[in-house]
Amino acid sequence: MAEPQVIVSREIHIDLPPEPELARAVREQGVDVGLDNGRRVRLPADHEKALAYAQILATLRRLKQPVYIEIDPDGDTISLVRIPDVGRVHNVRETGDGLEIEIDTSNIRFALRKEDPRFEPLSKTLREAARGRRALILTSDDRHNVLDARFFEPGPDDGPLPDIPIPGLRPRWDFFHRWLWWPIWPWTWWYRGCISEWRAQQVFDAMSSRTCAPLTVPAPCIPFLYPDDGCWARAHEMARLMIDMGLSPRKVWIRGSLRTPTRNNPNCAVYWGWHVAPTLCVRRFWWWLWIIPWVSRRMVIDPSLFTAPVTVAQWKSVQGDPNATLTYTDASDYRWGETDPTYAKTVDRLAFYRARLLERAVNVGPPPYANCA
């Protein structure tokens, strides 16, 4: 059987009716899609994934993101849609199996394996991109094995690529708030906004309730069920919600060779170069410490990994690298020193990862996955 034709297009032209009429229109008429260089492909009305793919294509068009499409070899019918990453390569490492790649717009550790028949040309592209800090359109599968890599040159409508801080550079350290108040008097913990364990669980439940239904992903839900990437946007949105609740969140960042088990990836684990989540100061009662009856600790709120608040030590322990380093910042740190005071970047990134969750749900089935223990 002939291999499907692959198209990676930066242009997406798709006309869709408003949401109330979308499903009916797709079922009755199908969808025509315009791509680079005037190429046109089609989502037929009887395609089982037509509605979801149409929604994904519309999202990518709005966000000005490219698309990876596989076309049936006997025509111009879409058989598969994937969402690539666009970013500069900042790290390429040799491994026993091939190469490990990190880009500045993702916390995933991508892999290019030696058994891939395209290993040589793809590895050449990746190394050249790393040497020149050039941007790539990088497409991967659910194991984050590289499927396609090609150079990205910003067009007149793209503007220059933002200079995203390289993960691992230490952001500012809020010395005053972390250390100066700690030893003075017990009531300073109240001043700093510490809450009870019961309240912390309430806050966690409020964040978790925002999770996306994987086959509909209605905005403004948070895609906790796509833990692979986008943690900084999830953390920033949670911090915003907590601040609106009158709380004083901070953030904890971890950097290392992270491997974290999860039932929300079909391969039962995710591989990160770094991860971030918001924290809250939580009081606990030690009955024997009558002189200072209330003591506090930082608890991590991370519904992508847990079902309740956990200590920083517990949060670190599940991520597979005991030598990983931790960094603490205030809530305004969006990504390694970059800020997003208006939350505009957060809104766009959450929309992007909602589309990623929908893509996975329609291609391999919705999480959680029963094969994961």
Protein backbone atom coordinates (compact mmCIF):
# COMPACT_ATOMS: atom_id res chain seq x y z
CA MET A 1 0.00 0.00 0.00
CA ALA A 2 1.32 3.46 -0.90
CA GLU A 3 2.45 5.74 1.91
CA PRO A 4 0.20 8.74 2.62
CA GLN A 5 1.42 12.09 1.35
CA VAL A 6 2.58 14.51 4.04
CA ILE A 7 1.84 18.23 3.89
CA VAL A 8 3.10 20.76 6.42
CA SER A 9 1.32 24.03 5.74
CA ARG A 10 1.69 27.42 7.34
CA GLU A 11 -1.46 28.71 5.67
CA ILE A 12 -4.89 27.35 6.55
CA HIS A 13 -7.96 28.67 4.75
CA ILE A 14 -11.19 27.26 6.09
CA ASP A 15 -14.66 28.78 6.17
CA LEU A 16 -16.89 27.41 8.91
CA PRO A 17 -20.33 28.48 10.11
CA PRO A 18 -20.90 29.55 13.73
CA GLU A 19 -20.71 26.85 16.39
CA PRO A 20 -24.47 26.10 16.66
CA GLU A 21 -24.55 25.21 12.93
CA LEU A 22 -21.04 23.75 12.64
CA ALA A 23 -21.77 20.08 13.33
CA ARG A 24 -24.71 19.96 10.90
CA ALA A 25 -22.79 21.76 8.16
CA VAL A 26 -19.79 19.43 8.47
CA ARG A 27 -22.02 16.32 8.48
CA GLU A 28 -23.96 17.46 5.40
CA GLN A 29 -21.30 19.17 3.29
CA GLY A 30 -17.85 18.27 4.52
CA VAL A 31 -15.10 20.90 4.61
CA ASP A 32 -12.74 22.26 1.96
CA VAL A 33 -9.34 23.39 3.27
CA GLY A 34 -6.87 25.66 1.50
CA LEU A 35 -3.15 25.23 2.23
CA ASP A 36 0.19 26.69 1.08
CA ASN A 37 0.70 27.41 -2.61
CA GLY A 38 -3.00 27.17 -3.39
CA ARG A 39 -3.21 23.45 -2.51
CA ARG A 40 -6.71 22.33 -1.58
CA VAL A 41 -7.66 19.24 0.41
CA ARG A 42 -10.96 17.97 1.72
CA LEU A 43 -12.57 16.63 4.87
CA PRO A 44 -15.49 14.60 3.49
CA ALA A 45 -18.83 14.62 5.30
CA ASP A 46 -18.56 10.90 6.12
CA HIS A 47 -15.09 11.22 7.73
CA GLU A 48 -15.46 10.06 11.33
CA LYS A 49 -13.11 12.78 12.56
CA ALA A 50 -14.32 15.56 10.27
CA LEU A 51 -15.88 17.77 12.97
CA ALA A 52 -12.94 17.51 15.36
CA TYR A 53 -10.40 18.09 12.59
CA ALA A 54 -12.38 21.10 11.38
CA GLN A 55 -12.31 22.57 14.89
CA ILE A 56 -8.56 21.93 15.17
CA LEU A 57 -7.86 23.55 11.79
CA ALA A 58 -9.98 26.58 12.71
CA THR A 59 -8.06 26.97 16.00
CA LEU A 60 -4.68 26.72 14.27
CA ARG A 61 -5.77 29.28 11.70
CA ARG A 62 -6.83 31.72 14.42
CA LEU A 63 -3.56 31.22 16.31
CA LYS A 64 -1.51 31.45 13.07
CA GLN A 65 0.02 28.04 13.72
CA PRO A 66 1.06 25.53 11.04
CA VAL A 67 -0.54 22.12 10.55
CA TYR A 68 0.78 18.65 9.66
CA ILE A 69 -1.61 16.73 7.40
CA GLU A 70 -1.46 13.26 5.90
CA ILE A 71 -3.39 12.81 2.65
CA ASP A 72 -4.71 9.53 1.29
CA PRO A 73 -2.41 8.41 -1.55
CA ASP A 74 -5.33 7.98 -3.94
CA GLY A 75 -6.75 11.48 -3.63
CA ASP A 76 -6.84 14.77 -1.71
CA THR A 77 -8.73 13.48 1.32
CA ILE A 78 -7.32 14.21 4.77
CA SER A 79 -6.54 11.03 6.69
CA LEU A 80 -4.66 12.47 9.70
CA VAL A 81 -4.13 15.86 11.32
CA ARG A 82 -1.35 16.64 13.81
CA ILE A 83 -0.35 19.88 15.49
CA PRO A 84 3.35 20.78 15.19
CA ASP A 85 5.46 22.89 17.53
CA VAL A 86 7.28 25.98 16.29
CA GLY A 87 10.40 27.01 18.17
CA ARG A 88 14.16 27.40 18.27
CA VAL A 89 16.25 24.35 19.08
CA HIS A 90 18.37 25.08 22.15
CA ASN A 91 19.64 21.60 22.99
CA VAL A 92 20.48 18.44 21.03
CA ARG A 93 21.98 15.55 23.01
CA GLU A 94 23.30 12.18 21.92
CA THR A 95 21.58 9.22 23.57
CA GLY A 96 21.98 5.49 23.20
CA ASP A 97 18.91 5.41 20.97
CA GLY A 98 19.62 8.51 18.89
CA LEU A 99 19.06 12.17 19.73
CA GLU A 100 17.14 14.07 22.41
CA ILE A 101 15.92 17.53 21.41
CA GLU A 102 14.59 20.51 23.37
CA ILE A 103 13.05 23.64 21.88
CA ASP A 104 12.36 26.94 23.59
CA THR A 105 8.56 26.84 23.19
CA SER A 106 8.01 23.46 24.85
CA ASN A 107 9.01 21.58 28.00
CA ILE A 108 8.97 18.22 26.16
CA ARG A 109 12.14 16.20 25.57
CA PHE A 110 11.65 15.09 21.96
CA ALA A 111 13.43 12.02 20.59
CA LEU A 112 14.79 11.07 17.17
CA ARG A 113 15.58 7.37 17.12
CA LYS A 114 18.29 5.70 15.07
CA GLU A 115 15.89 3.10 13.71
CA ASP A 116 13.90 5.85 11.98
CA PRO A 117 14.69 5.51 8.25
CA ARG A 118 14.88 9.32 8.04
CA PHE A 119 17.35 9.58 10.93
CA GLU A 120 20.22 11.03 8.89
CA PRO A 121 18.39 13.90 7.14
CA LEU A 122 16.34 14.74 10.22
CA SER A 123 19.38 14.70 12.52
CA LYS A 124 21.22 16.99 10.09
CA THR A 125 18.32 19.47 10.16
CA LEU A 126 18.09 19.36 13.96
CA ARG A 127 21.82 19.87 14.49
CA GLU A 128 21.93 22.74 12.01
CA ALA A 129 18.98 24.36 13.78
CA ALA A 130 20.74 24.01 17.14
CA ARG A 131 24.00 25.50 15.85
CA GLY A 132 22.30 28.51 14.32
CA ARG A 133 19.50 28.86 16.90
CA ARG A 134 17.11 28.57 13.95
CA ALA A 135 13.39 27.97 14.35
CA LEU A 136 11.80 24.73 13.24
CA ILE A 137 8.36 23.40 12.56
CA LEU A 138 8.66 20.18 14.55
CA THR A 139 6.02 17.44 14.40
CA SER A 140 6.05 14.46 16.77
CA ASP A 141 3.88 11.48 17.68
CA ASP A 142 2.36 10.69 21.08
CA ARG A 143 5.71 9.34 22.30
CA HIS A 144 7.20 12.63 21.07
CA ASN A 145 9.33 10.85 18.52
CA VAL A 146 10.13 13.32 15.75
CA LEU A 147 8.07 12.70 12.60
CA ASP A 148 9.01 15.80 10.62
CA ALA A 149 11.34 18.78 11.03
CA ARG A 150 11.72 21.69 8.65
CA PHE A 151 13.03 25.22 9.01
CA PHE A 152 10.62 28.02 9.85
CA GLU A 153 11.29 31.43 8.36
CA PRO A 154 8.87 34.08 9.65
CA GLY A 155 6.79 35.59 6.88
CA PRO A 156 5.53 39.18 6.61
CA ASP A 157 2.38 38.30 8.57
CA ASP A 158 4.25 36.44 11.31
CA GLY A 159 6.51 39.15 12.66
CA PRO A 160 9.77 38.20 14.36
CA LEU A 161 9.78 35.15 16.61
CA PRO A 162 9.79 36.19 20.27
CA ASP A 163 13.04 35.77 22.19
CA ILE A 164 11.88 33.18 24.70
CA PRO A 165 14.12 32.69 27.76
CA ILE A 166 16.05 29.43 27.69
CA PRO A 167 14.64 27.05 30.33
CA GLY A 168 17.02 26.51 33.20
CA LEU A 169 18.27 30.07 33.50
CA ARG A 170 17.39 31.01 37.04
CA PRO A 171 14.65 33.63 37.28
CA ARG A 172 14.69 36.31 39.89
CA TRP A 173 14.64 35.15 43.48
CA ASP A 174 12.23 36.97 45.73
CA PHE A 175 14.55 37.02 48.74
CA PHE A 176 12.50 39.42 50.82
CA HIS A 177 9.26 37.43 50.78
CA ARG A 178 10.86 34.01 51.05
CA TRP A 179 13.29 34.62 53.93
CA LEU A 180 12.89 37.96 55.68
CA TRP A 181 9.46 37.34 57.18
CA TRP A 182 9.87 33.65 57.99
CA PRO A 183 11.50 33.70 61.44
CA ILE A 184 9.96 36.82 62.97
CA TRP A 185 6.62 35.97 64.60
CA PRO A 186 3.95 33.31 64.05
CA TRP A 187 1.37 35.88 62.99
CA THR A 188 3.48 36.85 59.97
CA TRP A 189 2.39 33.56 58.36
CA TRP A 190 -1.17 34.84 58.52
CA TYR A 191 0.02 38.13 57.04
CA ARG A 192 1.56 36.25 54.11
CA GLY A 193 -1.77 34.66 53.27
CA CYS A 194 -1.39 31.09 54.56
CA ILE A 195 -4.55 28.97 54.45
CA SER A 196 -5.74 25.81 56.18
CA GLU A 197 -5.29 22.33 54.71
CA TRP A 198 -9.06 22.11 54.31
CA ARG A 199 -9.09 25.37 52.34
CA ALA A 200 -6.14 24.18 50.22
CA GLN A 201 -8.13 21.09 49.19
CA GLN A 202 -11.05 23.35 48.30
CA VAL A 203 -8.78 25.44 46.09
CA PHE A 204 -7.34 22.31 44.47
CA ASP A 205 -10.86 21.03 43.73
CA ALA A 206 -11.81 24.41 42.23
CA MET A 207 -8.80 24.25 39.90
CA SER A 208 -9.40 20.59 39.01
CA SER A 209 -13.05 21.31 38.18
CA ARG A 210 -11.82 23.49 35.30
CA THR A 211 -10.47 20.45 33.44
CA CYS A 212 -11.43 19.99 29.79
CA ALA A 213 -13.75 17.31 28.45
CA PRO A 214 -11.32 15.80 25.92
CA LEU A 215 -13.73 15.42 23.00
CA THR A 216 -15.24 18.92 23.24
CA VAL A 217 -12.56 21.06 25.02
CA PRO A 218 -14.86 24.05 25.60
CA ALA A 219 -13.07 27.30 26.38
CA PRO A 220 -11.98 28.44 28.92
CA CYS A 221 -11.30 24.97 30.35
CA ILE A 222 -7.75 24.04 31.40
CA PRO A 223 -6.25 21.01 29.57
CA PHE A 224 -4.97 19.10 32.60
CA LEU A 225 -5.64 15.87 30.64
CA TYR A 226 -2.88 16.87 28.22
CA PRO A 227 0.04 16.85 30.68
CA ASP A 228 2.71 16.56 27.98
CA ASP A 229 3.23 20.28 27.47
CA GLY A 230 2.02 23.77 28.32
CA CYS A 231 2.48 23.57 32.10
CA TRP A 232 3.48 27.24 32.28
CA ALA A 233 0.14 28.33 30.78
CA ARG A 234 -1.83 26.03 33.09
CA ALA A 235 0.13 27.32 36.10
CA HIS A 236 -0.37 30.97 35.11
CA GLU A 237 -4.11 30.49 34.63
CA MET A 238 -4.41 28.73 37.99
CA ALA A 239 -2.44 31.53 39.64
CA ARG A 240 -4.83 34.07 38.10
CA LEU A 241 -7.84 32.17 39.42
CA MET A 242 -6.28 31.90 42.88
CA ILE A 243 -5.53 35.62 42.98
CA ASP A 244 -9.17 36.27 42.03
CA MET A 245 -10.09 34.11 45.05
CA GLY A 246 -8.09 36.43 47.30
CA LEU A 247 -5.14 34.05 47.68
CA SER A 248 -1.38 34.63 47.38
CA PRO A 249 0.04 31.90 45.11
CA ARG A 250 3.68 31.48 44.16
CA LYS A 251 5.31 29.03 41.73
CA VAL A 252 7.82 26.21 41.92
CA TRP A 253 9.89 25.18 38.88
CA ILE A 254 11.80 21.93 38.38
CA ARG A 255 14.54 21.35 35.82
CA GLY A 256 16.10 17.96 34.98
CA SER A 257 15.72 14.77 32.95
CA LEU A 258 12.15 14.23 34.08
CA ARG A 259 10.08 11.13 33.44
CA THR A 260 6.65 11.28 35.06
CA PRO A 261 4.10 8.41 35.02
CA THR A 262 0.59 9.42 33.98
CA ARG A 263 -2.60 7.75 32.79
CA ASN A 264 -3.30 10.74 30.57
CA ASN A 265 -0.70 9.86 27.93
CA PRO A 266 -1.30 6.67 25.89
CA ASN A 267 2.30 5.64 26.60
CA CYS A 268 1.77 6.06 30.36
CA ALA A 269 4.56 8.59 30.90
CA VAL A 270 5.68 12.05 29.84
CA TYR A 271 9.26 13.23 29.37
CA TRP A 272 10.02 16.80 30.36
CA GLY A 273 13.05 19.02 30.52
CA TRP A 274 11.25 21.14 33.09
CA HIS A 275 7.87 21.63 34.74
CA VAL A 276 6.10 24.28 36.83
CA ALA A 277 3.06 24.52 39.10
CA PRO A 278 1.58 27.06 41.52
CA THR A 279 2.03 26.76 45.27
CA LEU A 280 0.15 28.03 48.30
CA CYS A 281 1.28 28.61 51.86
CA VAL A 282 -0.66 26.09 53.98
CA ARG A 283 -0.87 26.04 57.78
CA ARG A 284 -0.68 22.77 59.67
CA PHE A 285 -1.20 22.09 63.37
CA TRP A 286 1.46 20.35 65.42
CA TRP A 287 -0.22 19.60 68.77
CA TRP A 288 3.07 19.16 70.60
CA LEU A 289 4.53 22.50 69.51
CA TRP A 290 2.46 24.59 71.90
CA ILE A 291 4.76 27.62 71.78
CA ILE A 292 4.15 28.11 68.02
CA PRO A 293 0.86 26.31 67.40
CA TRP A 294 0.67 27.07 63.68
CA VAL A 295 3.44 26.27 61.23
CA SER A 296 3.31 26.52 57.46
CA ARG A 297 4.68 24.83 54.37
CA ARG A 298 4.42 25.27 50.64
CA MET A 299 1.90 22.94 48.99
CA VAL A 300 1.80 22.38 45.23
CA ILE A 301 -1.49 22.59 43.31
CA ASP A 302 -0.99 20.41 40.22
CA PRO A 303 -4.13 18.61 38.91
CA SER A 304 -2.14 17.34 35.92
CA LEU A 305 -0.32 14.96 38.30
CA PHE A 306 -2.27 14.66 41.57
CA THR A 307 -5.76 14.61 43.07
CA ALA A 308 -4.87 16.74 46.13
CA PRO A 309 -2.32 19.33 47.23
CA VAL A 310 1.13 17.82 47.82
CA THR A 311 4.38 19.00 49.36
CA VAL A 312 7.16 20.18 47.10
CA ALA A 313 9.14 17.05 48.03
CA GLN A 314 6.25 14.80 46.95
CA TRP A 315 5.83 16.77 43.73
CA LYS A 316 9.53 16.41 42.91
CA SER A 317 9.66 12.71 43.83
CA VAL A 318 7.21 11.56 41.11
CA GLN A 319 9.16 13.25 38.32
CA GLY A 320 11.90 10.67 38.06
CA ASP A 321 15.07 12.69 38.61
CA PRO A 322 16.36 12.97 42.20
CA ASN A 323 19.06 15.36 40.96
CA ALA A 324 16.55 17.80 39.45
CA THR A 325 16.86 21.39 40.65
CA LEU A 326 14.05 23.49 42.11
CA THR A 327 13.50 27.21 41.73
CA TYR A 328 10.84 29.34 43.46
CA THR A 329 9.33 32.52 42.03
CA ASP A 330 6.34 34.71 42.63
CA ALA A 331 3.15 34.20 40.63
CA SER A 332 3.97 36.83 38.00
CA ASP A 333 6.72 34.70 36.43
CA TYR A 334 5.02 33.29 33.33
CA ARG A 335 7.98 31.35 31.92
CA TRP A 336 11.56 31.54 33.23
CA GLY A 337 11.52 35.27 33.84
CA GLU A 338 9.07 36.17 31.05
CA THR A 339 5.84 37.82 32.21
CA ASP A 340 2.25 37.90 30.96
CA PRO A 341 0.45 40.56 33.00
CA THR A 342 -2.56 40.71 30.67
CA TYR A 343 -2.81 36.90 30.37
CA ALA A 344 -3.04 37.23 26.57
CA LYS A 345 -0.21 34.71 26.03
CA THR A 346 -1.84 32.38 28.52
CA VAL A 347 -5.17 32.48 26.67
CA ASP A 348 -3.50 31.64 23.34
CA ARG A 349 -1.37 28.81 24.78
CA LEU A 350 -4.35 27.24 26.54
CA ALA A 351 -6.28 27.32 23.25
CA PHE A 352 -3.32 25.65 21.53
CA TYR A 353 -3.11 22.84 24.10
CA ARG A 354 -6.88 22.37 24.13
CA ALA A 355 -6.51 21.67 20.41
CA ARG A 356 -3.69 19.24 21.21
CA LEU A 357 -5.93 17.42 23.70
CA LEU A 358 -8.72 17.20 21.11
CA GLU A 359 -6.26 15.93 18.49
CA ARG A 360 -5.11 13.12 20.78
CA ALA A 361 -8.64 12.25 21.89
CA VAL A 362 -9.86 11.77 18.30
CA ASN A 363 -6.67 10.08 17.01
CA VAL A 364 -6.02 7.56 19.79
CA GLY A 365 -9.01 7.89 22.14
CA PRO A 366 -9.73 10.14 25.14
CA PRO A 367 -7.76 9.88 28.39
CA PRO A 368 -7.35 8.36 30.91
CA TYR A 369 -5.91 5.25 29.25
CA ALA A 370 -6.82 1.84 30.66
CA ASN A 371 -3.47 0.28 29.69
CA CYS A 372 -1.69 2.52 32.21
CA ALA A 373 -1.46 1.03 35.69
